[in-house]
Amino acid sequence: MRPEEQALVALFEGLDTPGVSDAMDKLGLHGQALGIMPLANYSKTVVGPAFTVKYVPASRPPGTVGDFIDDVAPGDVVVIDNDGRSDCTVWGDIMTQYAGLRGIAATVIDGVCRDVGKALGDNYPIFSVGRFMRTGKDRVQVESLNTTVAIGTVRVASRDIVVADANGVVIVPRHRARDVAAAARKIEESESRIRAQIAGGTSLREARAALGYHQLQTKD
């Protein structure tokens, strides 16, 4: 990961997807990946630049399926657009093992994965539409790498910032990453103050009114 990307990733340290989602709403940005769910209830938030992959139906003879992983850098999040297909997978145990060995941060799939026992056992984060055992070999193939793709109604450009945790996946446009992180931290600060006030005996209604809770996510 390049130094400038490391700096962008560091901006999101300690944040989670609900906070980032609220910040996106505040800024009028769409980045919440609908229907892309975590394989497990991960305790940590994953943040990394997107390495995008676009799959299409296989040609005859069929093209490659997973060799792209050799080009993914440590810390990247693999983002696979398989057009939401649920009849065949584009990620399995060998790729999970290799991704873990290379230090790849996570995999996000608009489609399904398989061999989930390996991912769960290795605690490798996968976010997908679901799981299914049938191979994608001879059914789909890689069409392009590091082009703009779509996952869960969200456009993802190569090197956009992916934030993912037990709540789901948010895509932050790279050029707005600093704005989003700053807005998320302001929202989190206000919510922390609300939590402190109610812990001290203030009613929720009073704490929310005092700290402008109902406008935190409202677009300026």
C-alpha atoms as a PDB file:
ATOM      1  CA  MET A   1       0.000   0.000   0.000  1.00  0.00           C
ATOM      2  CA  ARG A   2       1.366   3.389  -0.968  1.00  0.00           C
ATOM      3  CA  PRO A   3       2.044   5.995   1.758  1.00  0.00           C
ATOM      4  CA  GLU A   4      -0.833   8.214   0.619  1.00  0.00           C
ATOM      5  CA  GLU A   5      -3.202   5.255   0.869  1.00  0.00           C
ATOM      6  CA  GLN A   6      -1.889   4.371   4.306  1.00  0.00           C
ATOM      7  CA  ALA A   7      -2.687   7.927   5.374  1.00  0.00           C
ATOM      8  CA  LEU A   8      -6.267   7.665   4.086  1.00  0.00           C
ATOM      9  CA  VAL A   9      -6.797   4.306   5.801  1.00  0.00           C
ATOM     10  CA  ALA A  10      -5.439   5.724   9.073  1.00  0.00           C
ATOM     11  CA  LEU A  11      -8.135   8.423   9.005  1.00  0.00           C
ATOM     12  CA  PHE A  12     -10.749   5.734   9.725  1.00  0.00           C
ATOM     13  CA  GLU A  13      -8.988   4.115  12.677  1.00  0.00           C
ATOM     14  CA  GLY A  14     -11.471   3.575  15.503  1.00  0.00           C
ATOM     15  CA  LEU A  15     -14.523   4.296  13.330  1.00  0.00           C
ATOM     16  CA  ASP A  16     -17.202   1.782  12.322  1.00  0.00           C
ATOM     17  CA  THR A  17     -19.617   1.456   9.418  1.00  0.00           C
ATOM     18  CA  PRO A  18     -22.617   3.027  11.205  1.00  0.00           C
ATOM     19  CA  GLY A  19     -20.582   6.163  11.900  1.00  0.00           C
ATOM     20  CA  VAL A  20     -19.174   6.264   8.386  1.00  0.00           C
ATOM     21  CA  SER A  21     -22.654   5.674   6.939  1.00  0.00           C
ATOM     22  CA  ASP A  22     -24.019   8.598   8.957  1.00  0.00           C
ATOM     23  CA  ALA A  23     -21.192  10.780   7.691  1.00  0.00           C
ATOM     24  CA  MET A  24     -21.959   9.773   4.098  1.00  0.00           C
ATOM     25  CA  ASP A  25     -25.596  10.777   4.640  1.00  0.00           C
ATOM     26  CA  LYS A  26     -24.466  14.078   6.138  1.00  0.00           C
ATOM     27  CA  LEU A  27     -22.396  14.790   3.034  1.00  0.00           C
ATOM     28  CA  GLY A  28     -25.027  13.592   0.586  1.00  0.00           C
ATOM     29  CA  LEU A  29     -22.974  10.606  -0.603  1.00  0.00           C
ATOM     30  CA  HIS A  30     -24.238   7.115  -1.453  1.00  0.00           C
ATOM     31  CA  GLY A  31     -21.931   4.320  -0.365  1.00  0.00           C
ATOM     32  CA  GLN A  32     -23.875   1.785   1.713  1.00  0.00           C
ATOM     33  CA  ALA A  33     -23.651  -1.588  -0.067  1.00  0.00           C
ATOM     34  CA  LEU A  34     -27.173  -2.975   0.216  1.00  0.00           C
ATOM     35  CA  GLY A  35     -27.399  -6.728   0.715  1.00  0.00           C
ATOM     36  CA  ILE A  36     -23.668  -7.348   1.182  1.00  0.00           C
ATOM     37  CA  MET A  37     -23.405  -9.068   4.553  1.00  0.00           C
ATOM     38  CA  PRO A  38     -20.525 -10.309   6.736  1.00  0.00           C
ATOM     39  CA  LEU A  39     -19.820 -14.013   6.868  1.00  0.00           C
ATOM     40  CA  ALA A  40     -19.441 -13.714  10.664  1.00  0.00           C
ATOM     41  CA  ASN A  41     -19.910 -11.157  13.429  1.00  0.00           C
ATOM     42  CA  TYR A  42     -16.428  -9.699  13.088  1.00  0.00           C
ATOM     43  CA  SER A  43     -15.201  -7.822  16.130  1.00  0.00           C
ATOM     44  CA  LYS A  44     -12.964  -5.451  14.171  1.00  0.00           C
ATOM     45  CA  THR A  45     -13.591  -2.986  11.375  1.00  0.00           C
ATOM     46  CA  VAL A  46     -11.674  -3.585   8.150  1.00  0.00           C
ATOM     47  CA  VAL A  47     -10.444  -0.560   6.184  1.00  0.00           C
ATOM     48  CA  GLY A  48      -8.475  -0.682   2.949  1.00  0.00           C
ATOM     49  CA  PRO A  49      -8.270   0.488  -0.672  1.00  0.00           C
ATOM     50  CA  ALA A  50     -10.371  -1.406  -3.183  1.00  0.00           C
ATOM     51  CA  PHE A  51      -8.836  -3.797  -5.693  1.00  0.00           C
ATOM     52  CA  THR A  52     -11.797  -4.200  -8.039  1.00  0.00           C
ATOM     53  CA  VAL A  53     -12.643  -7.284 -10.092  1.00  0.00           C
ATOM     54  CA  LYS A  54     -15.437  -7.613 -12.656  1.00  0.00           C
ATOM     55  CA  TYR A  55     -16.790 -11.059 -13.552  1.00  0.00           C
ATOM     56  CA  VAL A  56     -18.961 -11.917 -16.570  1.00  0.00           C
ATOM     57  CA  PRO A  57     -20.446 -15.160 -17.935  1.00  0.00           C
ATOM     58  CA  ALA A  58     -17.752 -17.480 -19.268  1.00  0.00           C
ATOM     59  CA  SER A  59     -16.768 -17.515 -22.923  1.00  0.00           C
ATOM     60  CA  ARG A  60     -15.905 -20.619 -24.927  1.00  0.00           C
ATOM     61  CA  PRO A  61     -13.223 -21.603 -24.146  1.00  0.00           C
ATOM     62  CA  PRO A  62     -13.643 -20.086 -20.654  1.00  0.00           C
ATOM     63  CA  GLY A  63     -11.248 -17.499 -19.277  1.00  0.00           C
ATOM     64  CA  THR A  64      -9.486 -17.256 -15.933  1.00  0.00           C
ATOM     65  CA  VAL A  65     -11.287 -17.053 -12.605  1.00  0.00           C
ATOM     66  CA  GLY A  66      -8.951 -16.295  -9.700  1.00  0.00           C
ATOM     67  CA  ASP A  67      -5.400 -15.679 -10.885  1.00  0.00           C
ATOM     68  CA  PHE A  68      -5.790 -11.934 -10.291  1.00  0.00           C
ATOM     69  CA  ILE A  69      -5.052 -12.447  -6.610  1.00  0.00           C
ATOM     70  CA  ASP A  70      -1.315 -12.479  -7.369  1.00  0.00           C
ATOM     71  CA  ASP A  71      -1.618  -8.755  -8.148  1.00  0.00           C
ATOM     72  CA  VAL A  72      -3.432  -7.722  -4.943  1.00  0.00           C
ATOM     73  CA  ALA A  73      -1.242  -5.803  -2.485  1.00  0.00           C
ATOM     74  CA  PRO A  74      -1.132  -6.397   1.278  1.00  0.00           C
ATOM     75  CA  GLY A  75      -3.799  -4.298   2.993  1.00  0.00           C
ATOM     76  CA  ASP A  76      -6.047  -4.146  -0.067  1.00  0.00           C
ATOM     77  CA  VAL A  77      -9.704  -5.191   0.012  1.00  0.00           C
ATOM     78  CA  VAL A  78     -10.713  -7.367  -2.942  1.00  0.00           C
ATOM     79  CA  VAL A  79     -14.050  -6.088  -4.298  1.00  0.00           C
ATOM     80  CA  ILE A  80     -15.697  -8.543  -6.717  1.00  0.00           C
ATOM     81  CA  ASP A  81     -18.635  -7.619  -8.933  1.00  0.00           C
ATOM     82  CA  ASN A  82     -20.333 -10.861 -10.007  1.00  0.00           C
ATOM     83  CA  ASP A  83     -23.616  -9.093 -10.724  1.00  0.00           C
ATOM     84  CA  GLY A  84     -25.202 -10.579  -7.624  1.00  0.00           C
ATOM     85  CA  ARG A  85     -25.066 -14.142  -9.039  1.00  0.00           C
ATOM     86  CA  SER A  86     -25.963 -16.743  -6.466  1.00  0.00           C
ATOM     87  CA  ASP A  87     -25.749 -19.888  -8.630  1.00  0.00           C
ATOM     88  CA  CYS A  88     -21.941 -20.164  -8.612  1.00  0.00           C
ATOM     89  CA  THR A  89     -19.113 -18.938  -6.445  1.00  0.00           C
ATOM     90  CA  VAL A  90     -16.108 -16.734  -7.175  1.00  0.00           C
ATOM     91  CA  TRP A  91     -14.191 -17.301  -3.929  1.00  0.00           C
ATOM     92  CA  GLY A  92     -13.140 -20.459  -2.075  1.00  0.00           C
ATOM     93  CA  ASP A  93     -10.685 -21.936   0.396  1.00  0.00           C
ATOM     94  CA  ILE A  94      -7.533 -21.734  -1.715  1.00  0.00           C
ATOM     95  CA  MET A  95      -8.075 -18.030  -2.330  1.00  0.00           C
ATOM     96  CA  THR A  96      -8.839 -17.526   1.360  1.00  0.00           C
ATOM     97  CA  GLN A  97      -5.577 -19.222   2.311  1.00  0.00           C
ATOM     98  CA  TYR A  98      -3.557 -17.245  -0.228  1.00  0.00           C
ATOM     99  CA  ALA A  99      -5.181 -13.951   0.765  1.00  0.00           C
ATOM    100  CA  GLY A 100      -4.324 -14.581   4.395  1.00  0.00           C
ATOM    101  CA  LEU A 101      -0.709 -15.403   3.558  1.00  0.00           C
ATOM    102  CA  ARG A 102      -0.377 -12.198   1.511  1.00  0.00           C
ATOM    103  CA  GLY A 103      -1.929  -9.965   4.159  1.00  0.00           C
ATOM    104  CA  ILE A 104      -4.945  -9.008   2.055  1.00  0.00           C
ATOM    105  CA  ALA A 105      -7.395  -7.224   4.352  1.00  0.00           C
ATOM    106  CA  ALA A 106     -10.746  -8.707   3.252  1.00  0.00           C
ATOM    107  CA  THR A 107     -12.954  -9.741   0.349  1.00  0.00           C
ATOM    108  CA  VAL A 108     -16.266  -8.153  -0.651  1.00  0.00           C
ATOM    109  CA  ILE A 109     -18.434  -9.998  -3.187  1.00  0.00           C
ATOM    110  CA  ASP A 110     -21.609  -9.023  -5.005  1.00  0.00           C
ATOM    111  CA  GLY A 111     -22.210 -12.733  -5.354  1.00  0.00           C
ATOM    112  CA  VAL A 112     -21.491 -15.821  -3.273  1.00  0.00           C
ATOM    113  CA  CYS A 113     -18.531 -17.598  -1.701  1.00  0.00           C
ATOM    114  CA  ARG A 114     -17.893 -21.187  -0.648  1.00  0.00           C
ATOM    115  CA  ASP A 115     -15.616 -23.181   1.667  1.00  0.00           C
ATOM    116  CA  VAL A 116     -16.766 -20.909   4.451  1.00  0.00           C
ATOM    117  CA  GLY A 117     -15.265 -23.176   7.113  1.00  0.00           C
ATOM    118  CA  LYS A 118     -11.778 -22.153   5.985  1.00  0.00           C
ATOM    119  CA  ALA A 119     -12.616 -18.436   6.136  1.00  0.00           C
ATOM    120  CA  LEU A 120     -14.222 -18.799   9.552  1.00  0.00           C
ATOM    121  CA  GLY A 121     -11.378 -20.916  10.888  1.00  0.00           C
ATOM    122  CA  ASP A 122      -8.754 -18.466   9.646  1.00  0.00           C
ATOM    123  CA  ASN A 123     -10.846 -15.449  10.728  1.00  0.00           C
ATOM    124  CA  TYR A 124     -10.491 -14.070   7.202  1.00  0.00           C
ATOM    125  CA  PRO A 125     -13.164 -11.390   6.634  1.00  0.00           C
ATOM    126  CA  ILE A 126     -15.571 -12.058   3.769  1.00  0.00           C
ATOM    127  CA  PHE A 127     -18.640  -9.980   2.941  1.00  0.00           C
ATOM    128  CA  SER A 128     -21.038 -11.366   0.328  1.00  0.00           C
ATOM    129  CA  VAL A 129     -24.614 -11.850  -0.810  1.00  0.00           C
ATOM    130  CA  GLY A 130     -24.479 -15.388   0.550  1.00  0.00           C
ATOM    131  CA  ARG A 131     -22.820 -18.775   0.221  1.00  0.00           C
ATOM    132  CA  PHE A 132     -23.197 -21.638  -2.251  1.00  0.00           C
ATOM    133  CA  MET A 133     -21.018 -24.642  -3.023  1.00  0.00           C
ATOM    134  CA  ARG A 134     -21.043 -24.731  -6.848  1.00  0.00           C
ATOM    135  CA  THR A 135     -17.845 -23.655  -8.582  1.00  0.00           C
ATOM    136  CA  GLY A 136     -17.700 -20.683 -10.900  1.00  0.00           C
ATOM    137  CA  LYS A 137     -15.182 -22.429 -13.173  1.00  0.00           C
ATOM    138  CA  ASP A 138     -16.495 -22.576 -16.754  1.00  0.00           C
ATOM    139  CA  ARG A 139     -19.482 -20.478 -15.647  1.00  0.00           C
ATOM    140  CA  VAL A 140     -17.917 -17.055 -15.070  1.00  0.00           C
ATOM    141  CA  GLN A 141     -14.605 -15.425 -15.846  1.00  0.00           C
ATOM    142  CA  VAL A 142     -12.686 -12.267 -15.015  1.00  0.00           C
ATOM    143  CA  GLU A 143     -13.519  -9.490 -17.457  1.00  0.00           C
ATOM    144  CA  SER A 144     -11.519  -6.593 -16.006  1.00  0.00           C
ATOM    145  CA  LEU A 145      -9.370  -5.538 -13.064  1.00  0.00           C
ATOM    146  CA  ASN A 146      -9.248  -2.167 -11.304  1.00  0.00           C
ATOM    147  CA  THR A 147     -12.054  -0.630 -13.302  1.00  0.00           C
ATOM    148  CA  THR A 148     -15.255   0.835 -11.866  1.00  0.00           C
ATOM    149  CA  VAL A 149     -17.630  -1.906 -10.693  1.00  0.00           C
ATOM    150  CA  ALA A 150     -20.908  -2.117  -8.763  1.00  0.00           C
ATOM    151  CA  ILE A 151     -21.700  -3.916  -5.513  1.00  0.00           C
ATOM    152  CA  GLY A 152     -25.016  -3.702  -3.694  1.00  0.00           C
ATOM    153  CA  THR A 153     -26.200  -0.651  -5.743  1.00  0.00           C
ATOM    154  CA  VAL A 154     -22.921   1.215  -5.070  1.00  0.00           C
ATOM    155  CA  ARG A 155     -20.294   2.207  -7.632  1.00  0.00           C
ATOM    156  CA  VAL A 156     -16.773   1.297  -6.607  1.00  0.00           C
ATOM    157  CA  ALA A 157     -13.737   2.759  -8.340  1.00  0.00           C
ATOM    158  CA  SER A 158     -10.307   1.248  -8.009  1.00  0.00           C
ATOM    159  CA  ARG A 159      -8.634   2.454  -4.773  1.00  0.00           C
ATOM    160  CA  ASP A 160     -11.800   3.821  -3.201  1.00  0.00           C
ATOM    161  CA  ILE A 161     -11.749   3.238   0.551  1.00  0.00           C
ATOM    162  CA  VAL A 162     -13.697   0.212   1.796  1.00  0.00           C
ATOM    163  CA  VAL A 163     -14.957   0.185   5.394  1.00  0.00           C
ATOM    164  CA  ALA A 164     -16.499  -3.121   6.504  1.00  0.00           C
ATOM    165  CA  ASP A 165     -17.514  -4.745   9.774  1.00  0.00           C
ATOM    166  CA  ALA A 166     -20.256  -6.838  11.378  1.00  0.00           C
ATOM    167  CA  ASN A 167     -22.842  -4.287  10.200  1.00  0.00           C
ATOM    168  CA  GLY A 168     -21.938  -4.497   6.507  1.00  0.00           C
ATOM    169  CA  VAL A 169     -19.910  -2.558   3.930  1.00  0.00           C
ATOM    170  CA  VAL A 170     -19.562   1.144   3.102  1.00  0.00           C
ATOM    171  CA  ILE A 171     -17.627   2.441   0.101  1.00  0.00           C
ATOM    172  CA  VAL A 172     -16.043   5.869   0.546  1.00  0.00           C
ATOM    173  CA  PRO A 173     -15.038   7.681  -2.660  1.00  0.00           C
ATOM    174  CA  ARG A 174     -11.304   8.158  -2.448  1.00  0.00           C
ATOM    175  CA  HIS A 175     -11.450  11.896  -3.170  1.00  0.00           C
ATOM    176  CA  ARG A 176     -13.921  12.420  -0.290  1.00  0.00           C
ATOM    177  CA  ALA A 177     -12.226  10.177   2.268  1.00  0.00           C
ATOM    178  CA  ARG A 178     -10.901  13.041   4.405  1.00  0.00           C
ATOM    179  CA  ASP A 179     -14.289  14.782   4.473  1.00  0.00           C
ATOM    180  CA  VAL A 180     -16.105  11.571   5.387  1.00  0.00           C
ATOM    181  CA  ALA A 181     -13.681  10.633   8.162  1.00  0.00           C
ATOM    182  CA  ALA A 182     -13.858  14.132   9.660  1.00  0.00           C
ATOM    183  CA  ALA A 183     -17.673  14.136   9.587  1.00  0.00           C
ATOM    184  CA  ALA A 184     -17.797  10.651  11.129  1.00  0.00           C
ATOM    185  CA  ARG A 185     -15.567  11.743  13.997  1.00  0.00           C
ATOM    186  CA  LYS A 186     -17.750  14.790  14.720  1.00  0.00           C
ATOM    187  CA  ILE A 187     -20.840  12.576  14.800  1.00  0.00           C
ATOM    188  CA  GLU A 188     -19.129  10.049  17.052  1.00  0.00           C
ATOM    189  CA  GLU A 189     -18.029  12.827  19.427  1.00  0.00           C
ATOM    190  CA  SER A 190     -21.616  14.056  19.765  1.00  0.00           C
ATOM    191  CA  GLU A 191     -22.968  10.549  20.302  1.00  0.00           C
ATOM    192  CA  SER A 192     -20.290   9.860  22.918  1.00  0.00           C
ATOM    193  CA  ARG A 193     -21.396  12.949  24.803  1.00  0.00           C
ATOM    194  CA  ILE A 194     -25.004  11.756  24.641  1.00  0.00           C
ATOM    195  CA  ARG A 195     -23.982   8.386  26.048  1.00  0.00           C
ATOM    196  CA  ALA A 196     -22.089  10.111  28.850  1.00  0.00           C
ATOM    197  CA  GLN A 197     -25.066  12.295  29.719  1.00  0.00           C
ATOM    198  CA  ILE A 198     -27.565   9.427  29.887  1.00  0.00           C
ATOM    199  CA  ALA A 199     -25.085   7.411  31.960  1.00  0.00           C
ATOM    200  CA  GLY A 200     -25.114  10.352  34.375  1.00  0.00           C
ATOM    201  CA  GLY A 201     -28.894  10.352  34.690  1.00  0.00           C
ATOM    202  CA  THR A 202     -30.020  12.747  31.949  1.00  0.00           C
ATOM    203  CA  SER A 203     -33.069  11.578  30.019  1.00  0.00           C
ATOM    204  CA  LEU A 204     -32.486  10.443  26.458  1.00  0.00           C
ATOM    205  CA  ARG A 205     -34.845  13.128  25.157  1.00  0.00           C
ATOM    206  CA  GLU A 206     -32.949  15.877  26.966  1.00  0.00           C
ATOM    207  CA  ALA A 207     -29.513  14.607  25.955  1.00  0.00           C
ATOM    208  CA  ARG A 208     -30.498  14.286  22.315  1.00  0.00           C
ATOM    209  CA  ALA A 209     -32.053  17.751  22.257  1.00  0.00           C
ATOM    210  CA  ALA A 210     -29.018  19.333  23.921  1.00  0.00           C
ATOM    211  CA  LEU A 211     -26.547  17.806  21.484  1.00  0.00           C
ATOM    212  CA  GLY A 212     -28.551  18.077  18.259  1.00  0.00           C
ATOM    213  CA  TYR A 213     -28.899  14.331  17.781  1.00  0.00           C
ATOM    214  CA  HIS A 214     -31.712  14.540  15.239  1.00  0.00           C
ATOM    215  CA  GLN A 215     -29.643  16.701  12.905  1.00  0.00           C
ATOM    216  CA  LEU A 216     -26.373  14.756  13.116  1.00  0.00           C
ATOM    217  CA  GLN A 217     -26.967  12.873   9.866  1.00  0.00           C
ATOM    218  CA  THR A 218     -29.015  15.555   8.113  1.00  0.00           C
ATOM    219  CA  LYS A 219     -27.428  16.884   4.947  1.00  0.00           C
ATOM    220  CA  ASP A 220     -26.143  20.441   5.336  1.00  0.00           C
END
